[in-house]
Every structure is written in C-alpha cells, then in structure tokens.
Amino acid sequence: MQKWLDRLMGIPLEENPVDKTIVEKLPNGDNRHVDEVYKARWVWYHTILAVEIAFTNILLVAILFVLAVK
C-alpha cells in the first residue's frame, strides 16, 4: 500500500514503529499523520471547488441577463 501512496503523493512515507500509523515527511521536516494531511487537503479542495462553482453561477446569471435584455 505504501508504494502507490509514495507515487501518488510524491512525498515519502514511513511507518511509525511506536503506534504503527503512517507518517508523512513534510518538506520542512515536520511529521504529520496522513489522516490530518488528508483532512486539510479535503477542506482546501472543497473550498476551491465551491469558489469555482460560485463563479460559474455568476457567469450563468450574467449570460441569462444578457439574453433577457436582448
């Protein structure tokens, strides 16, 4: 399982011998549990997605307005 995570995330992972959880090595040398990293990335992904959807809705309303005026 660890090999595909290494390729997918591009960051080496190591198994923590103390509590047998996978830890991610971050560029600044800090180690965080993969679950914490996943949750943070999930929040950012959905925030960006919500902004994009809002922008698309604004564009669609603008198009509807332009078509209604003509």
N, C-alpha and C. Protein backbone atom coordinates (compact mmCIF):
# COMPACT_ATOMS: atom_id res chain seq x y z
N MET A 1 0.83 -1.19 0.00
CA MET A 1 0.00 0.00 0.00
C MET A 1 0.87 1.25 0.00
N GLN A 2 1.98 1.20 0.63
CA GLN A 2 2.83 2.37 0.78
C GLN A 2 3.43 2.81 -0.55
N LYS A 3 3.69 1.87 -1.45
CA LYS A 3 4.33 2.21 -2.72
C LYS A 3 3.45 3.12 -3.57
N TRP A 4 2.15 2.80 -3.67
CA TRP A 4 1.28 3.64 -4.51
C TRP A 4 1.04 4.98 -3.85
N LEU A 5 1.06 5.04 -2.51
CA LEU A 5 0.94 6.33 -1.83
C LEU A 5 2.16 7.20 -2.11
N ASP A 6 3.34 6.57 -2.12
CA ASP A 6 4.56 7.32 -2.44
C ASP A 6 4.46 7.93 -3.82
N ARG A 7 4.02 7.14 -4.79
CA ARG A 7 3.91 7.64 -6.16
C ARG A 7 2.81 8.69 -6.29
N LEU A 8 1.69 8.46 -5.64
CA LEU A 8 0.55 9.36 -5.76
C LEU A 8 0.82 10.72 -5.12
N MET A 9 1.39 10.72 -3.94
CA MET A 9 1.58 11.96 -3.21
C MET A 9 2.92 12.62 -3.50
N GLY A 10 3.87 11.87 -3.98
CA GLY A 10 5.17 12.44 -4.28
C GLY A 10 6.00 12.76 -3.05
N ILE A 11 5.54 12.35 -1.89
CA ILE A 11 6.26 12.60 -0.63
C ILE A 11 6.50 11.24 0.03
N PRO A 12 7.72 10.98 0.45
CA PRO A 12 7.98 9.67 1.06
C PRO A 12 7.21 9.48 2.37
N LEU A 13 6.73 8.27 2.56
CA LEU A 13 6.01 7.92 3.78
C LEU A 13 6.81 6.89 4.55
N GLU A 14 6.67 6.92 5.86
CA GLU A 14 7.34 5.91 6.69
C GLU A 14 6.38 5.42 7.74
N GLU A 15 6.56 4.21 8.17
CA GLU A 15 5.71 3.64 9.20
C GLU A 15 6.30 3.99 10.56
N ASN A 16 5.46 4.52 11.43
CA ASN A 16 5.89 4.91 12.77
C ASN A 16 5.89 3.65 13.65
N PRO A 17 7.06 3.22 14.16
CA PRO A 17 7.11 1.97 14.93
C PRO A 17 6.40 2.05 16.27
N VAL A 18 6.17 3.24 16.79
CA VAL A 18 5.57 3.37 18.11
C VAL A 18 4.08 3.01 18.07
N ASP A 19 3.31 3.66 17.20
CA ASP A 19 1.89 3.41 17.19
C ASP A 19 1.39 2.80 15.87
N LYS A 20 2.32 2.38 15.01
CA LYS A 20 2.00 1.69 13.77
C LYS A 20 1.08 2.51 12.85
N THR A 21 1.22 3.82 12.86
CA THR A 21 0.47 4.64 11.92
C THR A 21 1.44 5.19 10.89
N ILE A 22 0.91 5.53 9.73
CA ILE A 22 1.76 6.07 8.67
C ILE A 22 1.93 7.57 8.89
N VAL A 23 3.17 8.02 8.77
CA VAL A 23 3.50 9.42 8.99
C VAL A 23 4.05 9.98 7.69
N GLU A 24 3.69 11.22 7.38
CA GLU A 24 4.15 11.86 6.16
C GLU A 24 5.31 12.80 6.49
N LYS A 25 6.38 12.69 5.72
CA LYS A 25 7.51 13.59 5.89
C LYS A 25 7.25 14.84 5.07
N LEU A 26 7.07 15.96 5.73
CA LEU A 26 6.83 17.21 5.04
C LEU A 26 8.15 17.88 4.71
N PRO A 27 8.16 18.79 3.72
CA PRO A 27 9.41 19.43 3.31
C PRO A 27 10.13 20.17 4.44
N ASN A 28 9.39 20.71 5.41
CA ASN A 28 10.02 21.45 6.50
C ASN A 28 10.54 20.55 7.62
N GLY A 29 10.45 19.24 7.43
CA GLY A 29 10.97 18.29 8.41
C GLY A 29 9.95 17.87 9.45
N ASP A 30 8.79 18.49 9.43
CA ASP A 30 7.74 18.16 10.38
C ASP A 30 7.02 16.90 9.93
N ASN A 31 6.68 16.02 10.84
CA ASN A 31 5.94 14.81 10.52
C ASN A 31 4.49 14.97 10.98
N ARG A 32 3.55 14.65 10.11
CA ARG A 32 2.13 14.71 10.45
C ARG A 32 1.48 13.41 10.03
N HIS A 33 0.45 13.02 10.74
CA HIS A 33 -0.28 11.82 10.36
C HIS A 33 -1.00 12.05 9.04
N VAL A 34 -1.08 11.02 8.25
CA VAL A 34 -1.68 11.11 6.92
C VAL A 34 -3.14 11.53 7.03
N ASP A 35 -3.84 11.10 8.06
CA ASP A 35 -5.24 11.48 8.22
C ASP A 35 -5.39 12.99 8.37
N GLU A 36 -4.50 13.61 9.13
CA GLU A 36 -4.55 15.06 9.31
C GLU A 36 -4.28 15.78 8.00
N VAL A 37 -3.31 15.30 7.25
CA VAL A 37 -2.98 15.89 5.96
C VAL A 37 -4.15 15.73 5.00
N TYR A 38 -4.77 14.54 4.99
CA TYR A 38 -5.91 14.29 4.12
C TYR A 38 -7.05 15.24 4.44
N LYS A 39 -7.35 15.42 5.72
CA LYS A 39 -8.45 16.31 6.11
C LYS A 39 -8.17 17.74 5.68
N ALA A 40 -6.94 18.20 5.85
CA ALA A 40 -6.59 19.57 5.45
C ALA A 40 -6.72 19.74 3.94
N ARG A 41 -6.24 18.76 3.18
CA ARG A 41 -6.34 18.84 1.72
C ARG A 41 -7.78 18.75 1.26
N TRP A 42 -8.60 17.97 1.96
CA TRP A 42 -10.01 17.84 1.63
C TRP A 42 -10.71 19.19 1.78
N VAL A 43 -10.42 19.88 2.86
CA VAL A 43 -11.03 21.19 3.11
C VAL A 43 -10.62 22.18 2.02
N TRP A 44 -9.33 22.24 1.69
CA TRP A 44 -8.87 23.16 0.65
C TRP A 44 -9.47 22.83 -0.70
N TYR A 45 -9.52 21.55 -1.04
CA TYR A 45 -10.08 21.13 -2.32
C TYR A 45 -11.54 21.57 -2.45
N HIS A 46 -12.33 21.35 -1.43
CA HIS A 46 -13.74 21.69 -1.49
C HIS A 46 -13.97 23.20 -1.41
N THR A 47 -13.10 23.92 -0.75
CA THR A 47 -13.20 25.37 -0.73
C THR A 47 -12.96 25.94 -2.13
N ILE A 48 -11.93 25.45 -2.79
CA ILE A 48 -11.63 25.91 -4.15
C ILE A 48 -12.76 25.51 -5.09
N LEU A 49 -13.28 24.31 -4.92
CA LEU A 49 -14.39 23.85 -5.75
C LEU A 49 -15.62 24.73 -5.55
N ALA A 50 -15.93 25.11 -4.33
CA ALA A 50 -17.08 25.97 -4.05
C ALA A 50 -16.91 27.35 -4.70
N VAL A 51 -15.70 27.89 -4.67
CA VAL A 51 -15.44 29.19 -5.29
C VAL A 51 -15.63 29.09 -6.81
N GLU A 52 -15.13 28.02 -7.39
CA GLU A 52 -15.29 27.82 -8.84
C GLU A 52 -16.77 27.68 -9.22
N ILE A 53 -17.53 26.96 -8.45
CA ILE A 53 -18.95 26.80 -8.73
C ILE A 53 -19.68 28.13 -8.58
N ALA A 54 -19.33 28.90 -7.58
CA ALA A 54 -19.95 30.22 -7.39
C ALA A 54 -19.63 31.12 -8.58
N PHE A 55 -18.40 31.10 -9.05
CA PHE A 55 -18.00 31.90 -10.20
C PHE A 55 -18.77 31.47 -11.45
N THR A 56 -18.93 30.18 -11.64
CA THR A 56 -19.69 29.66 -12.77
C THR A 56 -21.15 30.11 -12.70
N ASN A 57 -21.72 30.08 -11.51
CA ASN A 57 -23.11 30.52 -11.35
C ASN A 57 -23.26 32.01 -11.67
N ILE A 58 -22.29 32.81 -11.27
CA ILE A 58 -22.32 34.24 -11.59
C ILE A 58 -22.27 34.44 -13.10
N LEU A 59 -21.41 33.70 -13.77
CA LEU A 59 -21.33 33.80 -15.23
C LEU A 59 -22.64 33.37 -15.89
N LEU A 60 -23.25 32.32 -15.41
CA LEU A 60 -24.52 31.86 -15.98
C LEU A 60 -25.63 32.89 -15.78
N VAL A 61 -25.68 33.51 -14.62
CA VAL A 61 -26.68 34.57 -14.38
C VAL A 61 -26.42 35.75 -15.29
N ALA A 62 -25.16 36.10 -15.50
CA ALA A 62 -24.82 37.20 -16.40
C ALA A 62 -25.25 36.89 -17.83
N ILE A 63 -25.03 35.66 -18.28
CA ILE A 63 -25.45 35.25 -19.62
C ILE A 63 -26.98 35.32 -19.73
N LEU A 64 -27.67 34.84 -18.69
CA LEU A 64 -29.13 34.88 -18.68
C LEU A 64 -29.62 36.32 -18.75
N PHE A 65 -28.99 37.22 -18.03
CA PHE A 65 -29.35 38.63 -18.05
C PHE A 65 -29.15 39.23 -19.44
N VAL A 66 -28.01 38.94 -20.06
CA VAL A 66 -27.73 39.47 -21.39
C VAL A 66 -28.76 38.96 -22.40
N LEU A 67 -29.10 37.70 -22.32
CA LEU A 67 -30.08 37.14 -23.24
C LEU A 67 -31.48 37.72 -22.98
N ALA A 68 -31.81 38.01 -21.75
CA ALA A 68 -33.11 38.56 -21.42
C ALA A 68 -33.23 40.01 -21.88
N VAL A 69 -32.14 40.76 -21.86
CA VAL A 69 -32.15 42.16 -22.26
C VAL A 69 -32.29 42.27 -23.77
N LYS A 70 -31.71 41.36 -24.52
CA LYS A 70 -31.75 41.44 -25.99
C LYS A 70 -33.09 41.12 -26.49
